[in-house]
């Protein structure tokens, strides 16, 4: 039994084990970033939909379209910020 491998070779080459564990840790971090980005994008969509559903649209089609545009001017920038942050988190 080697002094470097307290398990007597049970897990194979210790350097290979370290390399595989490092790869596994990187994969897990990548998966967490993807999950966070997905959640942020879903939240942005949910915020937009919820905001628009709360509108009480009245009047003709042109007036309703104007009301929707006004609401989007308020809600959309917040959604864009969430999506941008998600993309930046995913890319790093």
PDB file of N, CA and C in Angstrom:
ATOM      1  N   UNK A   1       0.854  -1.179   0.000  1.00  0.00           N
ATOM      2  CA  UNK A   1       0.000   0.000   0.000  1.00  0.00           C
ATOM      3  C   UNK A   1       0.890   1.228   0.000  1.00  0.00           C
ATOM      4  N   UNK A   2       0.629   2.146  -0.935  1.00  0.00           N
ATOM      5  CA  UNK A   2       1.422   3.363  -1.081  1.00  0.00           C
ATOM      6  C   UNK A   2       1.002   4.383  -0.036  1.00  0.00           C
ATOM      7  N   UNK A   3       1.963   5.226   0.373  1.00  0.00           N
ATOM      8  CA  UNK A   3       1.638   6.273   1.346  1.00  0.00           C
ATOM      9  C   UNK A   3       0.787   7.365   0.695  1.00  0.00           C
ATOM     10  N   UNK A   4       0.807   7.466  -0.647  1.00  0.00           N
ATOM     11  CA  UNK A   4       0.000   8.463  -1.352  1.00  0.00           C
ATOM     12  C   UNK A   4      -1.439   8.004  -1.533  1.00  0.00           C
ATOM     13  N   UNK A   5      -1.672   6.720  -1.516  1.00  0.00           N
ATOM     14  CA  UNK A   5      -3.022   6.200  -1.737  1.00  0.00           C
ATOM     15  C   UNK A   5      -3.466   5.404  -0.517  1.00  0.00           C
ATOM     16  N   UNK A   6      -4.138   6.044   0.425  1.00  0.00           N
ATOM     17  CA  UNK A   6      -4.540   5.365   1.649  1.00  0.00           C
ATOM     18  C   UNK A   6      -5.563   4.253   1.424  1.00  0.00           C
ATOM     19  N   UNK A   7      -6.144   4.174   0.222  1.00  0.00           N
ATOM     20  CA  UNK A   7      -7.157   3.152  -0.041  1.00  0.00           C
ATOM     21  C   UNK A   7      -6.578   1.952  -0.790  1.00  0.00           C
ATOM     22  N   UNK A   8      -5.257   1.911  -0.930  1.00  0.00           N
ATOM     23  CA  UNK A   8      -4.605   0.758  -1.534  1.00  0.00           C
ATOM     24  C   UNK A   8      -4.997   0.506  -2.970  1.00  0.00           C
ATOM     25  N   UNK A   9      -5.257   1.533  -3.731  1.00  0.00           N
ATOM     26  CA  UNK A   9      -5.595   1.373  -5.142  1.00  0.00           C
ATOM     27  C   UNK A   9      -7.043   1.013  -5.389  1.00  0.00           C
ATOM     28  N   UNK A  10      -7.877   1.066  -4.370  1.00  0.00           N
ATOM     29  CA  UNK A  10      -9.285   0.703  -4.495  1.00  0.00           C
ATOM     30  C   UNK A  10      -9.992   1.532  -5.563  1.00  0.00           C
ATOM     31  N   UNK A  11      -9.633   2.810  -5.675  1.00  0.00           N
ATOM     32  CA  UNK A  11     -10.290   3.703  -6.626  1.00  0.00           C
ATOM     33  C   UNK A  11      -9.441   3.950  -7.871  1.00  0.00           C
ATOM     34  N   UNK A  12      -8.445   3.156  -8.116  1.00  0.00           N
ATOM     35  CA  UNK A  12      -7.587   3.324  -9.281  1.00  0.00           C
ATOM     36  C   UNK A  12      -6.564   4.423  -9.051  1.00  0.00           C
ATOM     37  N   UNK A  13      -6.112   4.997 -10.134  1.00  0.00           N
ATOM     38  CA  UNK A  13      -5.093   6.046 -10.092  1.00  0.00           C
ATOM     39  C   UNK A  13      -5.651   7.291  -9.390  1.00  0.00           C
ATOM     40  N   UNK A  14      -4.998   7.739  -8.315  1.00  0.00           N
ATOM     41  CA  UNK A  14      -5.501   8.917  -7.584  1.00  0.00           C
ATOM     42  C   UNK A  14      -5.562  10.170  -8.455  1.00  0.00           C
ATOM     43  N   UNK A  15      -4.606  10.343  -9.368  1.00  0.00           N
ATOM     44  CA  UNK A  15      -4.633  11.515 -10.250  1.00  0.00           C
ATOM     45  C   UNK A  15      -5.819  11.457 -11.208  1.00  0.00           C
ATOM     46  N   UNK A  16      -6.108  10.276 -11.698  1.00  0.00           N
ATOM     47  CA  UNK A  16      -7.264  10.088 -12.586  1.00  0.00           C
ATOM     48  C   UNK A  16      -8.557  10.377 -11.819  1.00  0.00           C
ATOM     49  N   UNK A  17      -8.645   9.917 -10.581  1.00  0.00           N
ATOM     50  CA  UNK A  17      -9.819  10.171  -9.749  1.00  0.00           C
ATOM     51  C   UNK A  17     -10.003  11.669  -9.524  1.00  0.00           C
ATOM     52  N   UNK A  18      -8.913  12.373  -9.215  1.00  0.00           N
ATOM     53  CA  UNK A  18      -8.990  13.836  -9.013  1.00  0.00           C
ATOM     54  C   UNK A  18      -9.475  14.533 -10.288  1.00  0.00           C
ATOM     55  N   UNK A  19      -8.927  14.097 -11.434  1.00  0.00           N
ATOM     56  CA  UNK A  19      -9.316  14.712 -12.705  1.00  0.00           C
ATOM     57  C   UNK A  19     -10.804  14.492 -12.981  1.00  0.00           C
ATOM     58  N   UNK A  20     -11.258  13.274 -12.753  1.00  0.00           N
ATOM     59  CA  UNK A  20     -12.678  12.974 -12.983  1.00  0.00           C
ATOM     60  C   UNK A  20     -13.578  13.733 -12.017  1.00  0.00           C
ATOM     61  N   UNK A  21     -13.149  13.862 -10.777  1.00  0.00           N
ATOM     62  CA  UNK A  21     -13.939  14.623  -9.795  1.00  0.00           C
ATOM     63  C   UNK A  21     -14.003  16.103 -10.187  1.00  0.00           C
ATOM     64  N   UNK A  22     -12.901  16.649 -10.689  1.00  0.00           N
ATOM     65  CA  UNK A  22     -12.877  18.043 -11.148  1.00  0.00           C
ATOM     66  C   UNK A  22     -13.815  18.225 -12.339  1.00  0.00           C
ATOM     67  N   UNK A  23     -13.809  17.270 -13.275  1.00  0.00           N
ATOM     68  CA  UNK A  23     -14.718  17.330 -14.425  1.00  0.00           C
ATOM     69  C   UNK A  23     -16.168  17.262 -13.968  1.00  0.00           C
ATOM     70  N   UNK A  24     -16.435  16.392 -13.016  1.00  0.00           N
ATOM     71  CA  UNK A  24     -17.793  16.264 -12.491  1.00  0.00           C
ATOM     72  C   UNK A  24     -18.243  17.570 -11.840  1.00  0.00           C
ATOM     73  N   UNK A  25     -17.363  18.201 -11.065  1.00  0.00           N
ATOM     74  CA  UNK A  25     -17.693  19.470 -10.413  1.00  0.00           C
ATOM     75  C   UNK A  25     -17.984  20.547 -11.457  1.00  0.00           C
ATOM     76  N   UNK A  26     -17.208  20.585 -12.540  1.00  0.00           N
ATOM     77  CA  UNK A  26     -17.450  21.564 -13.609  1.00  0.00           C
ATOM     78  C   UNK A  26     -18.796  21.318 -14.273  1.00  0.00           C
ATOM     79  N   UNK A  27     -19.133  20.050 -14.497  1.00  0.00           N
ATOM     80  CA  UNK A  27     -20.419  19.719 -15.108  1.00  0.00           C
ATOM     81  C   UNK A  27     -21.570  20.155 -14.209  1.00  0.00           C
ATOM     82  N   UNK A  28     -21.432  19.951 -12.917  1.00  0.00           N
ATOM     83  CA  UNK A  28     -22.479  20.348 -11.968  1.00  0.00           C
ATOM     84  C   UNK A  28     -22.647  21.863 -11.947  1.00  0.00           C
ATOM     85  N   UNK A  29     -21.536  22.600 -11.987  1.00  0.00           N
ATOM     86  CA  UNK A  29     -21.620  24.060 -12.022  1.00  0.00           C
ATOM     87  C   UNK A  29     -22.310  24.523 -13.292  1.00  0.00           C
ATOM     88  N   UNK A  30     -21.984  23.887 -14.411  1.00  0.00           N
ATOM     89  CA  UNK A  30     -22.637  24.228 -15.672  1.00  0.00           C
ATOM     90  C   UNK A  30     -24.130  23.969 -15.614  1.00  0.00           C
ATOM     91  N   UNK A  31     -24.515  22.846 -15.030  1.00  0.00           N
ATOM     92  CA  UNK A  31     -25.938  22.516 -14.905  1.00  0.00           C
ATOM     93  C   UNK A  31     -26.658  23.525 -14.020  1.00  0.00           C
ATOM     94  N   UNK A  32     -26.000  23.975 -12.958  1.00  0.00           N
ATOM     95  CA  UNK A  32     -26.607  24.976 -12.077  1.00  0.00           C
ATOM     96  C   UNK A  32     -26.804  26.296 -12.817  1.00  0.00           C
ATOM     97  N   UNK A  33     -25.829  26.683 -13.641  1.00  0.00           N
ATOM     98  CA  UNK A  33     -25.963  27.926 -14.411  1.00  0.00           C
ATOM     99  C   UNK A  33     -27.123  27.839 -15.387  1.00  0.00           C
ATOM    100  N   UNK A  34     -27.250  26.696 -16.065  1.00  0.00           N
ATOM    101  CA  UNK A  34     -28.347  26.517 -17.012  1.00  0.00           C
ATOM    102  C   UNK A  34     -29.680  26.576 -16.279  1.00  0.00           C
ATOM    103  N   UNK A  35     -29.782  25.913 -15.128  1.00  0.00           N
ATOM    104  CA  UNK A  35     -31.028  25.918 -14.359  1.00  0.00           C
ATOM    105  C   UNK A  35     -31.370  27.336 -13.907  1.00  0.00           C
ATOM    106  N   UNK A  36     -30.375  28.091 -13.452  1.00  0.00           N
ATOM    107  CA  UNK A  36     -30.625  29.467 -13.011  1.00  0.00           C
ATOM    108  C   UNK A  36     -31.104  30.311 -14.189  1.00  0.00           C
ATOM    109  N   UNK A  37     -30.461  30.167 -15.342  1.00  0.00           N
ATOM    110  CA  UNK A  37     -30.856  30.930 -16.525  1.00  0.00           C
ATOM    111  C   UNK A  37     -32.279  30.574 -16.943  1.00  0.00           C
ATOM    112  N   UNK A  38     -32.600  29.288 -16.944  1.00  0.00           N
ATOM    113  CA  UNK A  38     -33.958  28.859 -17.290  1.00  0.00           C
ATOM    114  C   UNK A  38     -34.982  29.462 -16.337  1.00  0.00           C
ATOM    115  N   UNK A  39     -34.675  29.451 -15.045  1.00  0.00           N
ATOM    116  CA  UNK A  39     -35.597  30.009 -14.052  1.00  0.00           C
ATOM    117  C   UNK A  39     -35.777  31.509 -14.232  1.00  0.00           C
ATOM    118  N   UNK A  40     -34.700  32.215 -14.525  1.00  0.00           N
ATOM    119  CA  UNK A  40     -34.783  33.664 -14.717  1.00  0.00           C
ATOM    120  C   UNK A  40     -35.621  33.999 -15.953  1.00  0.00           C
ATOM    121  N   UNK A  41     -35.427  33.250 -17.026  1.00  0.00           N
ATOM    122  CA  UNK A  41     -36.198  33.492 -18.247  1.00  0.00           C
ATOM    123  C   UNK A  41     -37.670  33.169 -18.016  1.00  0.00           C
ATOM    124  N   UNK A  42     -37.944  32.077 -17.323  1.00  0.00           N
ATOM    125  CA  UNK A  42     -39.333  31.724 -17.004  1.00  0.00           C
ATOM    126  C   UNK A  42     -39.974  32.814 -16.151  1.00  0.00           C
ATOM    127  N   UNK A  43     -39.230  33.337 -15.177  1.00  0.00           N
ATOM    128  CA  UNK A  43     -39.754  34.409 -14.340  1.00  0.00           C
ATOM    129  C   UNK A  43     -40.065  35.646 -15.174  1.00  0.00           C
ATOM    130  N   UNK A  44     -39.197  35.976 -16.115  1.00  0.00           N
ATOM    131  CA  UNK A  44     -39.427  37.136 -16.977  1.00  0.00           C
ATOM    132  C   UNK A  44     -40.710  36.964 -17.785  1.00  0.00           C
ATOM    133  N   UNK A  45     -40.902  35.787 -18.338  1.00  0.00           N
ATOM    134  CA  UNK A  45     -42.119  35.508 -19.112  1.00  0.00           C
ATOM    135  C   UNK A  45     -43.338  35.558 -18.201  1.00  0.00           C
ATOM    136  N   UNK A  46     -43.252  34.930 -17.035  1.00  0.00           N
ATOM    137  CA  UNK A  46     -44.377  34.929 -16.094  1.00  0.00           C
ATOM    138  C   UNK A  46     -44.742  36.338 -15.641  1.00  0.00           C
ATOM    139  N   UNK A  47     -43.724  37.179 -15.394  1.00  0.00           N
ATOM    140  CA  UNK A  47     -43.979  38.562 -14.998  1.00  0.00           C
ATOM    141  C   UNK A  47     -44.726  39.313 -16.094  1.00  0.00           C
ATOM    142  N   UNK A  48     -44.274  39.126 -17.319  1.00  0.00           N
ATOM    143  CA  UNK A  48     -44.897  39.819 -18.447  1.00  0.00           C
ATOM    144  C   UNK A  48     -46.340  39.368 -18.617  1.00  0.00           C
ATOM    145  N   UNK A  49     -46.556  38.072 -18.607  1.00  0.00           N
ATOM    146  CA  UNK A  49     -47.908  37.531 -18.780  1.00  0.00           C
ATOM    147  C   UNK A  49     -48.818  37.999 -17.645  1.00  0.00           C
ATOM    148  N   UNK A  50     -48.339  37.917 -16.413  1.00  0.00           N
ATOM    149  CA  UNK A  50     -49.159  38.323 -15.265  1.00  0.00           C
ATOM    150  C   UNK A  50     -49.508  39.806 -15.343  1.00  0.00           C
ATOM    151  N   UNK A  51     -48.542  40.617 -15.727  1.00  0.00           N
ATOM    152  CA  UNK A  51     -48.808  42.055 -15.842  1.00  0.00           C
ATOM    153  C   UNK A  51     -49.856  42.358 -16.901  1.00  0.00           C
ATOM    154  N   UNK A  52     -49.766  41.684 -18.023  1.00  0.00           N
ATOM    155  CA  UNK A  52     -50.725  41.933 -19.097  1.00  0.00           C
ATOM    156  C   UNK A  52     -52.104  41.365 -18.782  1.00  0.00           C
ATOM    157  N   UNK A  53     -52.157  40.276 -18.039  1.00  0.00           N
ATOM    158  CA  UNK A  53     -53.448  39.688 -17.692  1.00  0.00           C
ATOM    159  C   UNK A  53     -54.231  40.566 -16.720  1.00  0.00           C
ATOM    160  N   UNK A  54     -53.536  41.405 -15.993  1.00  0.00           N
ATOM    161  CA  UNK A  54     -54.212  42.272 -15.024  1.00  0.00           C
ATOM    162  C   UNK A  54     -54.888  43.466 -15.679  1.00  0.00           C
ATOM    163  N   UNK A  55     -54.577  43.679 -16.945  1.00  0.00           N
ATOM    164  CA  UNK A  55     -55.173  44.832 -17.631  1.00  0.00           C
ATOM    165  C   UNK A  55     -56.665  44.631 -17.840  1.00  0.00           C
ATOM    166  N   UNK A  56     -57.391  45.719 -17.715  1.00  0.00           N
ATOM    167  CA  UNK A  56     -58.819  45.713 -17.996  1.00  0.00           C
ATOM    168  C   UNK A  56     -58.993  46.494 -19.299  1.00  0.00           C
ATOM    169  N   UNK A  57     -58.816  45.792 -20.408  1.00  0.00           N
ATOM    170  CA  UNK A  57     -58.850  46.441 -21.708  1.00  0.00           C
ATOM    171  C   UNK A  57     -60.267  46.824 -22.081  1.00  0.00           C
ATOM    172  N   UNK A  58     -60.398  48.069 -22.508  1.00  0.00           N
ATOM    173  CA  UNK A  58     -61.705  48.580 -22.928  1.00  0.00           C
ATOM    174  C   UNK A  58     -61.512  49.424 -24.172  1.00  0.00           C
ATOM    175  N   UNK A  59     -62.604  49.709 -24.830  1.00  0.00           N
ATOM    176  CA  UNK A  59     -62.536  50.545 -26.029  1.00  0.00           C
ATOM    177  C   UNK A  59     -62.340  49.703 -27.270  1.00  0.00           C
ATOM    178  N   UNK A  60     -62.061  50.411 -28.363  1.00  0.00           N
ATOM    179  CA  UNK A  60     -61.892  49.711 -29.638  1.00  0.00           C
ATOM    180  C   UNK A  60     -60.506  49.049 -29.689  1.00  0.00           C
ATOM    181  N   UNK A  61     -60.247  48.366 -30.785  1.00  0.00           N
ATOM    182  CA  UNK A  61     -58.992  47.616 -30.922  1.00  0.00           C
ATOM    183  C   UNK A  61     -57.785  48.538 -30.816  1.00  0.00           C
ATOM    184  N   UNK A  62     -57.853  49.721 -31.389  1.00  0.00           N
ATOM    185  CA  UNK A  62     -56.736  50.661 -31.336  1.00  0.00           C
ATOM    186  C   UNK A  62     -56.458  51.113 -29.903  1.00  0.00           C
ATOM    187  N   UNK A  63     -57.507  51.399 -29.142  1.00  0.00           N
ATOM    188  CA  UNK A  63     -57.330  51.798 -27.745  1.00  0.00           C
ATOM    189  C   UNK A  63     -56.750  50.646 -26.916  1.00  0.00           C
ATOM    190  N   UNK A  64     -57.221  49.433 -27.166  1.00  0.00           N
ATOM    191  CA  UNK A  64     -56.703  48.272 -26.443  1.00  0.00           C
ATOM    192  C   UNK A  64     -55.233  48.035 -26.776  1.00  0.00           C
ATOM    193  N   UNK A  65     -54.885  48.191 -28.048  1.00  0.00           N
ATOM    194  CA  UNK A  65     -53.488  48.021 -28.463  1.00  0.00           C
ATOM    195  C   UNK A  65     -52.609  49.068 -27.783  1.00  0.00           C
ATOM    196  N   UNK A  66     -53.099  50.295 -27.686  1.00  0.00           N
ATOM    197  CA  UNK A  66     -52.349  51.352 -26.997  1.00  0.00           C
ATOM    198  C   UNK A  66     -52.156  51.020 -25.527  1.00  0.00           C
ATOM    199  N   UNK A  67     -53.198  50.512 -24.874  1.00  0.00           N
ATOM    200  CA  UNK A  67     -53.084  50.125 -23.465  1.00  0.00           C
ATOM    201  C   UNK A  67     -52.055  49.013 -23.283  1.00  0.00           C
ATOM    202  N   UNK A  68     -52.057  48.039 -24.197  1.00  0.00           N
ATOM    203  CA  UNK A  68     -51.070  46.951 -24.127  1.00  0.00           C
ATOM    204  C   UNK A  68     -49.653  47.485 -24.318  1.00  0.00           C
ATOM    205  N   UNK A  69     -49.480  48.391 -25.270  1.00  0.00           N
ATOM    206  CA  UNK A  69     -48.159  48.981 -25.497  1.00  0.00           C
ATOM    207  C   UNK A  69     -47.675  49.756 -24.275  1.00  0.00           C
ATOM    208  N   UNK A  70     -48.555  50.499 -23.646  1.00  0.00           N
ATOM    209  CA  UNK A  70     -48.184  51.250 -22.446  1.00  0.00           C
ATOM    210  C   UNK A  70     -47.738  50.294 -21.340  1.00  0.00           C
ATOM    211  N   UNK A  71     -48.475  49.210 -21.170  1.00  0.00           N
ATOM    212  CA  UNK A  71     -48.115  48.232 -20.134  1.00  0.00           C
ATOM    213  C   UNK A  71     -46.777  47.579 -20.451  1.00  0.00           C
ATOM    214  N   UNK A  72     -46.550  47.247 -21.715  1.00  0.00           N
ATOM    215  CA  UNK A  72     -45.286  46.618 -22.104  1.00  0.00           C
ATOM    216  C   UNK A  72     -44.105  47.552 -21.861  1.00  0.00           C
ATOM    217  N   UNK A  73     -44.316  48.850 -22.002  1.00  0.00           N
ATOM    218  CA  UNK A  73     -43.228  49.812 -21.747  1.00  0.00           C
ATOM    219  C   UNK A  73     -42.801  49.782 -20.281  1.00  0.00           C
ATOM    220  N   UNK A  74     -43.706  49.380 -19.407  1.00  0.00           N
ATOM    221  CA  UNK A  74     -43.385  49.287 -17.987  1.00  0.00           C
ATOM    222  C   UNK A  74     -42.820  47.908 -17.641  1.00  0.00           C
ATOM    223  N   UNK A  75     -43.474  46.859 -18.116  1.00  0.00           N
ATOM    224  CA  UNK A  75     -43.117  45.488 -17.734  1.00  0.00           C
ATOM    225  C   UNK A  75     -41.899  44.970 -18.492  1.00  0.00           C
ATOM    226  N   UNK A  76     -41.820  45.246 -19.775  1.00  0.00           N
ATOM    227  CA  UNK A  76     -40.792  44.647 -20.618  1.00  0.00           C
ATOM    228  C   UNK A  76     -39.366  44.948 -20.174  1.00  0.00           C
ATOM    229  N   UNK A  77     -39.026  46.190 -19.807  1.00  0.00           N
ATOM    230  CA  UNK A  77     -37.635  46.432 -19.381  1.00  0.00           C
ATOM    231  C   UNK A  77     -37.198  45.561 -18.206  1.00  0.00           C
ATOM    232  N   UNK A  78     -38.088  45.318 -17.263  1.00  0.00           N
ATOM    233  CA  UNK A  78     -37.747  44.446 -16.136  1.00  0.00           C
ATOM    234  C   UNK A  78     -37.501  43.017 -16.612  1.00  0.00           C
ATOM    235  N   UNK A  79     -38.306  42.552 -17.531  1.00  0.00           N
ATOM    236  CA  UNK A  79     -38.127  41.207 -18.070  1.00  0.00           C
ATOM    237  C   UNK A  79     -36.804  41.111 -18.832  1.00  0.00           C
ATOM    238  N   UNK A  80     -36.471  42.143 -19.579  1.00  0.00           N
ATOM    239  CA  UNK A  80     -35.216  42.148 -20.343  1.00  0.00           C
ATOM    240  C   UNK A  80     -34.019  42.083 -19.398  1.00  0.00           C
ATOM    241  N   UNK A  81     -34.092  42.796 -18.296  1.00  0.00           N
ATOM    242  CA  UNK A  81     -33.000  42.767 -17.310  1.00  0.00           C
ATOM    243  C   UNK A  81     -32.807  41.346 -16.788  1.00  0.00           C
ATOM    244  N   UNK A  82     -33.893  40.661 -16.458  1.00  0.00           N
ATOM    245  CA  UNK A  82     -33.783  39.281 -15.968  1.00  0.00           C
ATOM    246  C   UNK A  82     -33.157  38.369 -17.014  1.00  0.00           C
ATOM    247  N   UNK A  83     -33.590  38.500 -18.257  1.00  0.00           N
ATOM    248  CA  UNK A  83     -33.057  37.646 -19.315  1.00  0.00           C
ATOM    249  C   UNK A  83     -31.577  37.958 -19.561  1.00  0.00           C
ATOM    250  N   UNK A  84     -31.213  39.237 -19.553  1.00  0.00           N
ATOM    251  CA  UNK A  84     -29.810  39.613 -19.752  1.00  0.00           C
ATOM    252  C   UNK A  84     -28.938  39.027 -18.646  1.00  0.00           C
ATOM    253  N   UNK A  85     -29.390  39.140 -17.410  1.00  0.00           N
ATOM    254  CA  UNK A  85     -28.628  38.577 -16.306  1.00  0.00           C
ATOM    255  C   UNK A  85     -28.517  37.068 -16.419  1.00  0.00           C
ATOM    256  N   UNK A  86     -29.578  36.431 -16.877  1.00  0.00           N
ATOM    257  CA  UNK A  86     -29.540  34.978 -17.058  1.00  0.00           C
ATOM    258  C   UNK A  86     -28.514  34.602 -18.118  1.00  0.00           C
ATOM    259  N   UNK A  87     -28.502  35.342 -19.214  1.00  0.00           N
ATOM    260  CA  UNK A  87     -27.542  35.043 -20.284  1.00  0.00           C
ATOM    261  C   UNK A  87     -26.119  35.279 -19.815  1.00  0.00           C
ATOM    262  N   UNK A  88     -25.894  36.354 -19.076  1.00  0.00           N
ATOM    263  CA  UNK A  88     -24.551  36.630 -18.578  1.00  0.00           C
ATOM    264  C   UNK A  88     -24.098  35.545 -17.606  1.00  0.00           C
ATOM    265  N   UNK A  89     -25.017  35.085 -16.768  1.00  0.00           N
ATOM    266  CA  UNK A  89     -24.692  34.005 -15.836  1.00  0.00           C
ATOM    267  C   UNK A  89     -24.401  32.708 -16.551  1.00  0.00           C
ATOM    268  N   UNK A  90     -25.074  32.492 -17.649  1.00  0.00           N
ATOM    269  CA  UNK A  90     -24.875  31.259 -18.415  1.00  0.00           C
ATOM    270  C   UNK A  90     -23.560  31.294 -19.175  1.00  0.00           C
ATOM    271  N   UNK A  91     -23.171  32.486 -19.626  1.00  0.00           N
ATOM    272  CA  UNK A  91     -21.986  32.608 -20.457  1.00  0.00           C
ATOM    273  C   UNK A  91     -20.680  32.601 -19.682  1.00  0.00           C
ATOM    274  N   UNK A  92     -20.729  32.817 -18.371  1.00  0.00           N
ATOM    275  CA  UNK A  92     -19.485  32.863 -17.610  1.00  0.00           C
ATOM    276  C   UNK A  92     -19.170  31.549 -16.980  1.00  0.00           C
TER     277      UNK A  92
END
